[in-house]
N, C-alpha and C. Protein backbone atom coordinates (compact mmCIF):
# COMPACT_ATOMS: atom_id res chain seq x y z
N UNK A 1 12.85 -28.93 18.64
CA UNK A 1 12.81 -28.09 19.83
C UNK A 1 11.73 -27.01 19.66
N UNK A 2 10.91 -26.86 20.66
CA UNK A 2 9.82 -25.89 20.60
C UNK A 2 10.30 -24.54 21.15
N UNK A 3 10.05 -23.47 20.40
CA UNK A 3 10.48 -22.16 20.88
C UNK A 3 9.45 -21.61 21.88
N UNK A 4 9.94 -20.78 22.77
CA UNK A 4 9.06 -20.20 23.77
C UNK A 4 8.14 -19.18 23.14
N UNK A 5 6.94 -19.06 23.68
CA UNK A 5 5.97 -18.10 23.18
C UNK A 5 6.38 -16.69 23.59
N UNK A 6 6.35 -15.76 22.63
CA UNK A 6 6.66 -14.37 22.96
C UNK A 6 5.46 -13.74 23.64
N UNK A 7 5.72 -12.88 24.59
CA UNK A 7 4.66 -12.17 25.30
C UNK A 7 4.91 -10.67 25.16
N UNK A 8 3.85 -9.90 25.06
CA UNK A 8 3.95 -8.44 24.94
C UNK A 8 3.65 -7.79 26.29
N UNK A 9 4.49 -6.85 26.67
CA UNK A 9 4.30 -6.11 27.90
C UNK A 9 4.32 -4.62 27.57
N UNK A 10 3.29 -3.87 27.94
CA UNK A 10 3.32 -2.44 27.66
C UNK A 10 4.36 -1.74 28.53
N UNK A 11 4.96 -0.71 28.00
CA UNK A 11 5.87 0.11 28.77
C UNK A 11 5.62 1.56 28.39
N UNK A 12 6.09 2.46 29.21
CA UNK A 12 5.91 3.88 28.92
C UNK A 12 7.19 4.62 29.26
N UNK A 13 7.53 5.58 28.44
CA UNK A 13 8.56 6.54 28.77
C UNK A 13 7.80 7.80 29.15
N UNK A 14 7.93 8.21 30.37
CA UNK A 14 7.13 9.32 30.86
C UNK A 14 7.99 10.56 30.98
N UNK A 15 7.48 11.64 30.50
CA UNK A 15 8.18 12.91 30.59
C UNK A 15 7.17 14.03 30.66
N UNK A 16 7.67 15.21 30.74
CA UNK A 16 6.83 16.40 30.77
C UNK A 16 7.37 17.40 29.78
N UNK A 17 6.51 18.19 29.21
CA UNK A 17 6.95 19.32 28.43
C UNK A 17 6.25 20.54 28.97
N UNK A 18 6.94 21.67 28.92
CA UNK A 18 6.44 22.92 29.47
C UNK A 18 6.29 23.90 28.32
N UNK A 19 5.14 24.50 28.21
CA UNK A 19 4.89 25.43 27.13
C UNK A 19 3.79 26.41 27.50
N UNK A 20 3.78 27.53 26.82
CA UNK A 20 2.69 28.48 26.96
C UNK A 20 1.65 28.25 25.87
N UNK A 21 1.99 27.40 24.90
CA UNK A 21 1.11 27.15 23.76
C UNK A 21 0.07 26.09 24.09
N UNK A 22 -0.95 26.00 23.26
CA UNK A 22 -1.96 24.95 23.35
C UNK A 22 -1.29 23.62 23.03
N UNK A 23 -1.68 22.56 23.72
CA UNK A 23 -1.08 21.24 23.51
C UNK A 23 -1.12 20.83 22.04
N UNK A 24 -2.20 21.13 21.37
CA UNK A 24 -2.32 20.72 19.96
C UNK A 24 -1.37 21.49 19.05
N UNK A 25 -0.74 22.54 19.56
CA UNK A 25 0.16 23.35 18.73
C UNK A 25 1.64 23.07 18.96
N UNK A 26 1.98 22.11 19.82
CA UNK A 26 3.39 21.92 20.16
C UNK A 26 4.04 20.71 19.50
N UNK A 27 3.28 19.84 18.92
CA UNK A 27 3.85 18.66 18.30
C UNK A 27 4.07 18.87 16.81
N UNK A 28 5.20 18.41 16.34
CA UNK A 28 5.49 18.49 14.90
C UNK A 28 4.53 17.57 14.15
N UNK A 29 4.10 18.02 13.01
CA UNK A 29 3.20 17.20 12.19
C UNK A 29 3.94 16.61 11.00
N UNK A 30 5.23 16.92 10.88
CA UNK A 30 5.99 16.46 9.72
C UNK A 30 6.97 15.34 10.05
N UNK A 31 6.74 14.62 11.16
CA UNK A 31 7.62 13.51 11.53
C UNK A 31 7.33 12.36 10.56
N UNK A 32 8.37 11.88 9.93
CA UNK A 32 8.21 10.84 8.92
C UNK A 32 8.21 9.45 9.56
N UNK A 33 7.68 8.47 8.86
CA UNK A 33 7.77 7.09 9.35
C UNK A 33 9.22 6.66 9.57
N UNK A 34 10.12 7.15 8.74
CA UNK A 34 11.54 6.83 8.90
C UNK A 34 12.10 7.40 10.21
N UNK A 35 11.67 8.61 10.57
CA UNK A 35 12.13 9.21 11.82
C UNK A 35 11.57 8.44 13.02
N UNK A 36 10.31 8.02 12.94
CA UNK A 36 9.75 7.21 14.02
C UNK A 36 10.48 5.88 14.14
N UNK A 37 10.87 5.32 13.02
CA UNK A 37 11.64 4.07 13.04
C UNK A 37 13.00 4.29 13.71
N UNK A 38 13.63 5.44 13.44
CA UNK A 38 14.90 5.76 14.10
C UNK A 38 14.72 5.83 15.62
N UNK A 39 13.65 6.46 16.06
CA UNK A 39 13.37 6.57 17.50
C UNK A 39 13.14 5.19 18.08
N UNK A 40 12.36 4.36 17.39
CA UNK A 40 12.07 3.01 17.86
C UNK A 40 13.36 2.21 17.99
N UNK A 41 14.23 2.31 16.98
CA UNK A 41 15.50 1.58 17.00
C UNK A 41 16.39 2.06 18.15
N UNK A 42 16.42 3.37 18.41
CA UNK A 42 17.21 3.89 19.53
C UNK A 42 16.69 3.37 20.87
N UNK A 43 15.38 3.39 21.04
CA UNK A 43 14.79 2.87 22.28
C UNK A 43 15.15 1.40 22.44
N UNK A 44 14.98 0.65 21.36
CA UNK A 44 15.28 -0.78 21.38
C UNK A 44 16.74 -1.03 21.75
N UNK A 45 17.64 -0.27 21.13
CA UNK A 45 19.07 -0.47 21.31
C UNK A 45 19.56 0.01 22.69
N UNK A 46 19.08 1.16 23.13
CA UNK A 46 19.63 1.79 24.33
C UNK A 46 18.95 1.39 25.63
N UNK A 47 17.73 0.88 25.57
CA UNK A 47 17.00 0.58 26.80
C UNK A 47 16.86 -0.92 27.04
N UNK A 48 16.70 -1.69 25.98
CA UNK A 48 16.42 -3.12 26.13
C UNK A 48 17.62 -3.97 25.75
N UNK A 49 17.63 -5.20 26.25
CA UNK A 49 18.68 -6.15 25.88
C UNK A 49 18.39 -6.69 24.49
N UNK A 50 19.40 -7.29 23.87
CA UNK A 50 19.27 -7.82 22.53
C UNK A 50 18.19 -8.91 22.48
N UNK A 51 17.43 -8.93 21.38
CA UNK A 51 16.40 -9.93 21.19
C UNK A 51 15.01 -9.49 21.60
N UNK A 52 14.87 -8.25 22.10
CA UNK A 52 13.57 -7.72 22.49
C UNK A 52 13.06 -6.82 21.37
N UNK A 53 11.82 -7.07 20.92
CA UNK A 53 11.21 -6.21 19.90
C UNK A 53 10.43 -5.10 20.58
N UNK A 54 10.36 -3.94 19.95
CA UNK A 54 9.70 -2.77 20.52
C UNK A 54 8.78 -2.15 19.48
N UNK A 55 7.60 -1.74 19.92
CA UNK A 55 6.67 -0.98 19.07
C UNK A 55 6.37 0.32 19.79
N UNK A 56 6.26 1.41 19.05
CA UNK A 56 5.95 2.71 19.67
C UNK A 56 4.81 3.38 18.92
N UNK A 57 4.11 4.24 19.63
CA UNK A 57 3.07 5.08 19.05
C UNK A 57 3.08 6.39 19.83
N UNK A 58 3.56 7.46 19.23
CA UNK A 58 3.64 8.72 19.97
C UNK A 58 2.29 9.43 20.07
N UNK A 59 1.86 9.67 21.29
CA UNK A 59 0.65 10.45 21.52
C UNK A 59 0.62 10.92 22.96
N UNK A 60 -0.15 11.95 23.21
CA UNK A 60 -0.29 12.49 24.56
C UNK A 60 -1.54 11.88 25.17
N UNK A 61 -1.39 11.38 26.38
CA UNK A 61 -2.50 10.73 27.06
C UNK A 61 -2.70 11.41 28.41
N UNK A 62 -3.94 11.82 28.70
CA UNK A 62 -4.20 12.37 30.04
C UNK A 62 -3.85 11.32 31.10
N UNK A 63 -3.29 11.73 32.22
CA UNK A 63 -2.82 10.77 33.23
C UNK A 63 -3.85 9.72 33.63
N UNK A 64 -5.13 10.07 33.68
CA UNK A 64 -6.14 9.10 34.11
C UNK A 64 -6.50 8.09 33.03
N UNK A 65 -5.92 8.24 31.82
CA UNK A 65 -6.22 7.33 30.73
C UNK A 65 -5.01 6.51 30.27
N UNK A 66 -3.90 6.58 31.00
CA UNK A 66 -2.66 5.91 30.59
C UNK A 66 -2.84 4.40 30.49
N UNK A 67 -3.43 3.77 31.50
CA UNK A 67 -3.58 2.31 31.48
C UNK A 67 -4.40 1.85 30.28
N UNK A 68 -5.52 2.51 30.01
CA UNK A 68 -6.36 2.15 28.87
C UNK A 68 -5.60 2.33 27.55
N UNK A 69 -4.85 3.42 27.42
CA UNK A 69 -4.10 3.68 26.19
C UNK A 69 -3.04 2.61 25.95
N UNK A 70 -2.33 2.21 27.00
CA UNK A 70 -1.31 1.17 26.85
C UNK A 70 -1.94 -0.16 26.47
N UNK A 71 -3.08 -0.47 27.05
CA UNK A 71 -3.76 -1.73 26.72
C UNK A 71 -4.21 -1.71 25.25
N UNK A 72 -4.76 -0.60 24.79
CA UNK A 72 -5.20 -0.49 23.40
C UNK A 72 -4.01 -0.62 22.45
N UNK A 73 -2.89 0.00 22.78
CA UNK A 73 -1.70 -0.11 21.94
C UNK A 73 -1.22 -1.56 21.87
N UNK A 74 -1.16 -2.22 23.01
CA UNK A 74 -0.72 -3.61 23.03
C UNK A 74 -1.64 -4.49 22.19
N UNK A 75 -2.92 -4.28 22.29
CA UNK A 75 -3.88 -5.07 21.50
C UNK A 75 -3.72 -4.79 20.01
N UNK A 76 -3.55 -3.53 19.66
CA UNK A 76 -3.43 -3.17 18.24
C UNK A 76 -2.16 -3.74 17.62
N UNK A 77 -1.08 -3.74 18.37
CA UNK A 77 0.20 -4.16 17.82
C UNK A 77 0.38 -5.67 17.86
N UNK A 78 -0.08 -6.32 18.92
CA UNK A 78 0.28 -7.72 19.12
C UNK A 78 -0.85 -8.71 18.89
N UNK A 79 -2.07 -8.25 18.61
CA UNK A 79 -3.14 -9.19 18.33
C UNK A 79 -3.05 -9.63 16.88
N UNK A 80 -3.08 -10.95 16.65
CA UNK A 80 -3.06 -11.42 15.26
C UNK A 80 -4.31 -10.93 14.52
N UNK A 81 -4.19 -10.57 13.25
CA UNK A 81 -5.33 -10.03 12.50
C UNK A 81 -6.53 -10.97 12.44
N UNK A 82 -6.27 -12.28 12.42
CA UNK A 82 -7.38 -13.23 12.33
C UNK A 82 -8.10 -13.45 13.65
N UNK A 83 -7.56 -12.93 14.74
CA UNK A 83 -8.19 -13.11 16.04
C UNK A 83 -9.43 -12.24 16.14
N UNK A 84 -10.50 -12.80 16.70
CA UNK A 84 -11.75 -12.05 16.82
C UNK A 84 -11.72 -11.11 18.00
N UNK A 85 -12.82 -10.44 18.22
CA UNK A 85 -12.94 -9.48 19.32
C UNK A 85 -13.57 -10.13 20.54
N UNK A 86 -13.38 -11.44 20.74
CA UNK A 86 -14.00 -12.17 21.82
C UNK A 86 -13.35 -11.96 23.17
N UNK A 87 -12.12 -11.43 23.23
CA UNK A 87 -11.45 -11.31 24.52
C UNK A 87 -11.64 -10.00 25.15
């Protein structure tokens, strides 16, 4: 039996934060890989049905660059390493 091919679809959780500080001064720099994994697992468990894999990359993107950022993330995460840059 042949298994179905997995496909990657970008998604975004959109929110806002309000601050008087500079954007570069509001994000924690001490978030560990383990903490990011906990966040990824929570998103996977609480938002998606069983059997769906999730990849995350936390960063702030200006609204006019969201589509490009999601495409770059999808390519970085789901492109096989041996695949060339022909596409």
